[in-house]
Amino acid sequence: MGTEILDEVFAVIENRRDNPRKGSYVASLLASGEDKVVGKIEEEAGELVKASRGEDKQEIIHEAADLIFHVMVLLAAKGVQLNEIMEELKRRRR
């Protein structure tokens, strides 16, 4: 599996930002404000660090996915496109 899923999830996040739906976690999180989104990133980063100290690979995967998801929510809230992040990573690789 490639990175296509990141584009797919990011498109859904942007859609929820632009067309909030009742009951949508993303729409609710974005409506709560940037501090709430940043708080979720802090929470998920801490959970990933904690998981990484253990031996449960599946827990690490779960927490890493949570962190990546919430970072993508912040990017969408700030109007940063996922491809801009990919370009920055590409630039650093040179």
N, C-alpha and C. Protein backbone atom coordinates (compact mmCIF):
# COMPACT_ATOMS: atom_id res chain seq x y z
N MET A 1 0.85 -1.19 0.00
CA MET A 1 0.00 0.00 0.00
C MET A 1 0.89 1.24 0.00
N GLY A 2 0.52 2.17 -0.83
CA GLY A 2 1.27 3.42 -0.92
C GLY A 2 0.68 4.48 -0.01
N THR A 3 0.98 5.70 -0.35
CA THR A 3 0.52 6.83 0.47
C THR A 3 -0.83 7.37 0.02
N GLU A 4 -1.48 6.69 -0.93
CA GLU A 4 -2.76 7.16 -1.43
C GLU A 4 -3.78 7.35 -0.32
N ILE A 5 -3.72 6.51 0.70
CA ILE A 5 -4.68 6.60 1.80
C ILE A 5 -4.55 7.95 2.52
N LEU A 6 -3.34 8.50 2.58
CA LEU A 6 -3.17 9.82 3.19
C LEU A 6 -3.94 10.87 2.41
N ASP A 7 -3.84 10.82 1.09
CA ASP A 7 -4.58 11.76 0.25
C ASP A 7 -6.09 11.57 0.44
N GLU A 8 -6.52 10.34 0.51
CA GLU A 8 -7.95 10.05 0.68
C GLU A 8 -8.47 10.59 2.02
N VAL A 9 -7.75 10.31 3.09
CA VAL A 9 -8.17 10.78 4.42
C VAL A 9 -8.11 12.31 4.47
N PHE A 10 -7.08 12.89 3.88
CA PHE A 10 -6.96 14.35 3.89
C PHE A 10 -8.11 14.99 3.13
N ALA A 11 -8.52 14.39 2.03
CA ALA A 11 -9.66 14.91 1.27
C ALA A 11 -10.94 14.88 2.10
N VAL A 12 -11.13 13.83 2.87
CA VAL A 12 -12.30 13.75 3.75
C VAL A 12 -12.23 14.83 4.83
N ILE A 13 -11.04 15.03 5.41
CA ILE A 13 -10.87 16.07 6.42
C ILE A 13 -11.20 17.44 5.84
N GLU A 14 -10.69 17.73 4.66
CA GLU A 14 -10.98 19.01 4.02
C GLU A 14 -12.47 19.16 3.73
N ASN A 15 -13.10 18.07 3.32
CA ASN A 15 -14.53 18.11 3.05
C ASN A 15 -15.32 18.41 4.32
N ARG A 16 -14.93 17.80 5.42
CA ARG A 16 -15.61 18.07 6.71
C ARG A 16 -15.36 19.50 7.17
N ARG A 17 -14.19 20.03 6.84
CA ARG A 17 -13.89 21.43 7.16
C ARG A 17 -14.79 22.36 6.35
N ASP A 18 -14.93 22.06 5.06
CA ASP A 18 -15.67 22.93 4.16
C ASP A 18 -17.17 22.69 4.19
N ASN A 19 -17.57 21.49 4.55
CA ASN A 19 -18.99 21.10 4.58
C ASN A 19 -19.27 20.33 5.88
N PRO A 20 -19.25 21.03 7.01
CA PRO A 20 -19.42 20.34 8.29
C PRO A 20 -20.71 19.51 8.32
N ARG A 21 -20.59 18.33 8.87
CA ARG A 21 -21.74 17.43 9.01
C ARG A 21 -21.99 17.19 10.49
N LYS A 22 -23.25 17.18 10.84
CA LYS A 22 -23.62 16.84 12.20
C LYS A 22 -23.13 15.43 12.50
N GLY A 23 -22.52 15.26 13.65
CA GLY A 23 -22.02 13.95 14.05
C GLY A 23 -20.62 13.64 13.55
N SER A 24 -20.04 14.53 12.76
CA SER A 24 -18.69 14.31 12.25
C SER A 24 -17.66 14.68 13.31
N TYR A 25 -16.77 13.75 13.63
CA TYR A 25 -15.72 14.02 14.60
C TYR A 25 -14.83 15.17 14.13
N VAL A 26 -14.44 15.14 12.86
CA VAL A 26 -13.56 16.18 12.33
C VAL A 26 -14.23 17.54 12.38
N ALA A 27 -15.47 17.62 11.94
CA ALA A 27 -16.20 18.89 11.96
C ALA A 27 -16.32 19.42 13.38
N SER A 28 -16.60 18.53 14.31
CA SER A 28 -16.72 18.92 15.72
C SER A 28 -15.38 19.40 16.28
N LEU A 29 -14.33 18.69 15.96
CA LEU A 29 -13.00 19.07 16.43
C LEU A 29 -12.60 20.43 15.87
N LEU A 30 -12.81 20.64 14.59
CA LEU A 30 -12.47 21.91 13.97
C LEU A 30 -13.31 23.05 14.55
N ALA A 31 -14.57 22.78 14.83
CA ALA A 31 -15.45 23.80 15.40
C ALA A 31 -15.03 24.18 16.82
N SER A 32 -14.34 23.27 17.48
CA SER A 32 -13.87 23.52 18.85
C SER A 32 -12.70 24.49 18.90
N GLY A 33 -12.07 24.72 17.77
CA GLY A 33 -10.98 25.68 17.69
C GLY A 33 -9.61 25.05 17.63
N GLU A 34 -8.67 25.89 17.24
CA GLU A 34 -7.30 25.43 17.03
C GLU A 34 -6.66 24.87 18.31
N ASP A 35 -6.95 25.49 19.45
CA ASP A 35 -6.37 24.99 20.70
C ASP A 35 -6.77 23.55 20.97
N LYS A 36 -7.99 23.20 20.64
CA LYS A 36 -8.47 21.82 20.83
C LYS A 36 -7.72 20.87 19.90
N VAL A 37 -7.53 21.29 18.66
CA VAL A 37 -6.81 20.46 17.69
C VAL A 37 -5.37 20.25 18.15
N VAL A 38 -4.73 21.33 18.56
CA VAL A 38 -3.34 21.24 19.04
C VAL A 38 -3.27 20.36 20.29
N GLY A 39 -4.26 20.49 21.15
CA GLY A 39 -4.31 19.64 22.35
C GLY A 39 -4.40 18.17 22.01
N LYS A 40 -5.16 17.85 20.96
CA LYS A 40 -5.25 16.45 20.54
C LYS A 40 -3.91 15.95 20.00
N ILE A 41 -3.19 16.82 19.32
CA ILE A 41 -1.87 16.43 18.82
C ILE A 41 -0.93 16.16 20.00
N GLU A 42 -0.96 17.03 20.98
CA GLU A 42 -0.13 16.82 22.17
C GLU A 42 -0.49 15.50 22.86
N GLU A 43 -1.79 15.26 22.99
CA GLU A 43 -2.26 14.02 23.62
C GLU A 43 -1.79 12.80 22.85
N GLU A 44 -2.00 12.82 21.54
CA GLU A 44 -1.64 11.66 20.72
C GLU A 44 -0.13 11.46 20.65
N ALA A 45 0.63 12.55 20.63
CA ALA A 45 2.10 12.42 20.64
C ALA A 45 2.56 11.75 21.93
N GLY A 46 1.98 12.15 23.03
CA GLY A 46 2.32 11.53 24.31
C GLY A 46 1.97 10.05 24.33
N GLU A 47 0.83 9.71 23.77
CA GLU A 47 0.42 8.31 23.72
C GLU A 47 1.35 7.49 22.82
N LEU A 48 1.83 8.10 21.74
CA LEU A 48 2.77 7.40 20.87
C LEU A 48 4.10 7.18 21.58
N VAL A 49 4.57 8.19 22.29
CA VAL A 49 5.82 8.05 23.04
C VAL A 49 5.68 6.93 24.07
N LYS A 50 4.57 6.93 24.78
CA LYS A 50 4.33 5.89 25.79
C LYS A 50 4.29 4.51 25.13
N ALA A 51 3.59 4.40 24.01
CA ALA A 51 3.50 3.12 23.32
C ALA A 51 4.87 2.66 22.83
N SER A 52 5.70 3.61 22.40
CA SER A 52 7.01 3.25 21.85
C SER A 52 7.95 2.70 22.91
N ARG A 53 7.64 2.96 24.15
CA ARG A 53 8.46 2.42 25.25
C ARG A 53 8.12 0.98 25.56
N GLY A 54 7.03 0.52 24.99
CA GLY A 54 6.61 -0.86 25.20
C GLY A 54 7.03 -1.75 24.04
N GLU A 55 6.53 -2.94 24.08
CA GLU A 55 6.88 -3.93 23.05
C GLU A 55 5.73 -4.24 22.11
N ASP A 56 4.59 -3.57 22.30
CA ASP A 56 3.40 -3.87 21.51
C ASP A 56 3.41 -3.08 20.21
N LYS A 57 3.85 -3.71 19.13
CA LYS A 57 3.96 -3.05 17.83
C LYS A 57 2.60 -2.53 17.37
N GLN A 58 1.53 -3.28 17.60
CA GLN A 58 0.20 -2.87 17.16
C GLN A 58 -0.24 -1.58 17.86
N GLU A 59 0.12 -1.43 19.13
CA GLU A 59 -0.21 -0.20 19.86
C GLU A 59 0.56 0.99 19.28
N ILE A 60 1.80 0.78 18.91
CA ILE A 60 2.59 1.83 18.27
C ILE A 60 1.94 2.25 16.95
N ILE A 61 1.53 1.27 16.17
CA ILE A 61 0.87 1.56 14.89
C ILE A 61 -0.41 2.36 15.13
N HIS A 62 -1.21 1.94 16.09
CA HIS A 62 -2.47 2.61 16.40
C HIS A 62 -2.23 4.06 16.82
N GLU A 63 -1.29 4.28 17.71
CA GLU A 63 -1.02 5.64 18.21
C GLU A 63 -0.38 6.51 17.14
N ALA A 64 0.47 5.92 16.30
CA ALA A 64 1.07 6.69 15.20
C ALA A 64 -0.01 7.13 14.22
N ALA A 65 -0.96 6.26 13.92
CA ALA A 65 -2.07 6.61 13.03
C ALA A 65 -2.90 7.74 13.63
N ASP A 66 -3.17 7.66 14.93
CA ASP A 66 -3.91 8.73 15.61
C ASP A 66 -3.18 10.06 15.49
N LEU A 67 -1.89 10.04 15.72
CA LEU A 67 -1.10 11.27 15.65
C LEU A 67 -1.09 11.84 14.24
N ILE A 68 -0.84 11.01 13.26
CA ILE A 68 -0.81 11.47 11.87
C ILE A 68 -2.17 12.05 11.48
N PHE A 69 -3.24 11.40 11.87
CA PHE A 69 -4.58 11.89 11.57
C PHE A 69 -4.80 13.28 12.15
N HIS A 70 -4.46 13.47 13.41
CA HIS A 70 -4.70 14.76 14.05
C HIS A 70 -3.77 15.85 13.50
N VAL A 71 -2.58 15.50 13.08
CA VAL A 71 -1.71 16.46 12.40
C VAL A 71 -2.36 16.88 11.08
N MET A 72 -2.96 15.95 10.37
CA MET A 72 -3.62 16.29 9.12
C MET A 72 -4.82 17.21 9.36
N VAL A 73 -5.52 17.02 10.47
CA VAL A 73 -6.63 17.92 10.81
C VAL A 73 -6.09 19.33 11.02
N LEU A 74 -4.98 19.45 11.73
CA LEU A 74 -4.37 20.78 11.95
C LEU A 74 -3.93 21.40 10.63
N LEU A 75 -3.30 20.61 9.77
CA LEU A 75 -2.87 21.12 8.47
C LEU A 75 -4.06 21.67 7.68
N ALA A 76 -5.15 20.92 7.66
CA ALA A 76 -6.35 21.37 6.94
C ALA A 76 -6.90 22.64 7.57
N ALA A 77 -6.89 22.73 8.88
CA ALA A 77 -7.40 23.92 9.57
C ALA A 77 -6.57 25.15 9.21
N LYS A 78 -5.29 24.95 8.99
CA LYS A 78 -4.38 26.05 8.68
C LYS A 78 -4.25 26.30 7.18
N GLY A 79 -4.93 25.52 6.38
CA GLY A 79 -4.86 25.71 4.93
C GLY A 79 -3.58 25.21 4.30
N VAL A 80 -2.91 24.30 4.98
CA VAL A 80 -1.68 23.71 4.45
C VAL A 80 -2.06 22.44 3.71
N GLN A 81 -1.63 22.32 2.48
CA GLN A 81 -1.92 21.14 1.68
C GLN A 81 -0.92 20.03 1.99
N LEU A 82 -1.40 18.80 1.95
CA LEU A 82 -0.54 17.66 2.22
C LEU A 82 0.63 17.60 1.24
N ASN A 83 0.39 17.97 -0.01
CA ASN A 83 1.48 17.93 -0.99
C ASN A 83 2.57 18.95 -0.67
N GLU A 84 2.24 20.02 0.06
CA GLU A 84 3.27 20.98 0.49
C GLU A 84 4.21 20.33 1.49
N ILE A 85 3.67 19.49 2.34
CA ILE A 85 4.51 18.76 3.30
C ILE A 85 5.38 17.76 2.55
N MET A 86 4.81 17.08 1.58
CA MET A 86 5.57 16.11 0.79
C MET A 86 6.70 16.79 0.03
N GLU A 87 6.43 17.97 -0.52
CA GLU A 87 7.47 18.73 -1.22
C GLU A 87 8.59 19.15 -0.27
N GLU A 88 8.24 19.53 0.94
CA GLU A 88 9.26 19.90 1.93
C GLU A 88 10.12 18.70 2.28
N LEU A 89 9.50 17.54 2.45
CA LEU A 89 10.26 16.33 2.73
C LEU A 89 11.17 15.97 1.56
N LYS A 90 10.65 16.13 0.36
CA LYS A 90 11.44 15.88 -0.86
C LYS A 90 12.63 16.83 -0.93
N ARG A 91 12.39 18.11 -0.63
CA ARG A 91 13.46 19.10 -0.64
C ARG A 91 14.57 18.72 0.36
N ARG A 92 14.16 18.25 1.51
CA ARG A 92 15.15 17.87 2.55
C ARG A 92 15.94 16.64 2.15
N ARG A 93 15.39 15.83 1.33
CA ARG A 93 16.05 14.57 0.92
C ARG A 93 17.21 14.83 -0.03
N ARG A 94 17.20 15.95 -0.72
CA ARG A 94 18.23 16.25 -1.73
C ARG A 94 19.59 16.40 -1.16
